[in-house]
């Protein structure tokens, strides 16, 4: 939960301060932080809240695809 709180705090800082000189870098940082926040919430599914092993396996695939999507988007932005 501390990770989620810190992530939300950092998102609020980025929205308010816009620390990077280029607007696109600020938007990319916001996008990445939103993905990290989403993944942090989904990681709670691996705790004892969900007892079904098949659901945890499906959640693992969802997390893997989300991480690969994030990496793909960031690499495409770097390439172009």
Protein backbone atom coordinates (compact mmCIF):
# COMPACT_ATOMS: atom_id res chain seq x y z
CA UNK A 1 0.00 0.00 0.00
CA UNK A 2 2.93 2.34 0.59
CA UNK A 3 3.96 1.87 -3.04
CA UNK A 4 0.49 2.92 -4.18
CA UNK A 5 0.51 5.97 -1.93
CA UNK A 6 3.92 7.06 -3.18
CA UNK A 7 2.86 6.48 -6.77
CA UNK A 8 -0.24 8.63 -6.38
CA UNK A 9 1.84 11.33 -4.69
CA UNK A 10 4.34 11.31 -7.55
CA UNK A 11 1.50 11.50 -10.09
CA UNK A 12 0.13 14.55 -8.31
CA UNK A 13 3.58 16.14 -8.39
CA UNK A 14 3.97 15.49 -12.12
CA UNK A 15 0.51 16.90 -12.89
CA UNK A 16 1.19 20.06 -10.91
CA UNK A 17 4.88 20.75 -11.54
CA UNK A 18 5.41 19.39 -15.07
CA UNK A 19 9.13 18.96 -14.25
CA UNK A 20 10.40 18.09 -17.73
CA UNK A 21 11.07 20.76 -20.32
CA UNK A 22 9.34 18.91 -23.15
CA UNK A 23 5.59 18.40 -22.85
CA UNK A 24 5.83 14.94 -24.45
CA UNK A 25 8.21 13.75 -21.73
CA UNK A 26 5.77 14.87 -19.06
CA UNK A 27 2.94 12.99 -20.76
CA UNK A 28 5.10 9.90 -21.15
CA UNK A 29 6.00 10.01 -17.46
CA UNK A 30 2.32 10.35 -16.52
CA UNK A 31 1.49 7.42 -18.80
CA UNK A 32 4.22 5.26 -17.26
CA UNK A 33 3.18 6.14 -13.72
CA UNK A 34 -0.44 5.30 -14.48
CA UNK A 35 0.68 1.92 -15.77
CA UNK A 36 2.73 1.35 -12.62
CA UNK A 37 -0.30 2.28 -10.52
CA UNK A 38 -2.50 -0.15 -12.46
CA UNK A 39 0.04 -2.92 -12.07
CA UNK A 40 0.38 -2.15 -8.35
CA UNK A 41 -3.36 -2.57 -7.91
CA UNK A 42 -3.35 -5.82 -9.88
CA UNK A 43 -0.52 -7.19 -7.74
CA UNK A 44 -2.94 -7.25 -4.83
CA UNK A 45 -4.64 -10.14 -6.62
CA UNK A 46 -1.69 -12.36 -5.76
CA UNK A 47 -2.32 -11.97 -2.05
CA UNK A 48 -4.68 -14.18 -0.07
CA UNK A 49 -7.71 -12.18 -1.21
CA UNK A 50 -8.02 -14.48 -4.21
CA UNK A 51 -7.92 -18.16 -3.31
CA UNK A 52 -8.45 -19.61 -6.79
CA UNK A 53 -5.18 -20.63 -8.41
CA UNK A 54 -6.60 -20.39 -11.95
CA UNK A 55 -7.57 -16.78 -11.33
CA UNK A 56 -4.05 -16.00 -10.16
CA UNK A 57 -2.62 -17.61 -13.28
CA UNK A 58 -4.97 -15.55 -15.49
CA UNK A 59 -4.00 -12.43 -13.56
CA UNK A 60 -0.35 -13.28 -14.16
CA UNK A 61 -0.99 -13.37 -17.90
CA UNK A 62 -2.81 -10.04 -17.75
CA UNK A 63 0.11 -8.49 -15.85
CA UNK A 64 2.60 -9.90 -18.33
CA UNK A 65 0.68 -8.51 -21.29
CA UNK A 66 0.29 -5.10 -19.65
CA UNK A 67 4.02 -4.91 -18.95
CA UNK A 68 4.83 -5.95 -22.52
CA UNK A 69 2.38 -3.36 -23.82
CA UNK A 70 4.04 -0.66 -21.75
CA UNK A 71 7.50 -1.69 -22.93
CA UNK A 72 6.30 -1.76 -26.55
CA UNK A 73 4.76 1.70 -26.34
CA UNK A 74 7.89 3.15 -24.72
CA UNK A 75 10.17 1.53 -27.30
CA UNK A 76 8.03 2.83 -30.15
CA UNK A 77 8.21 6.34 -28.71
CA UNK A 78 11.98 6.07 -28.39
CA UNK A 79 12.32 4.74 -31.95
CA UNK A 80 10.27 7.55 -33.52
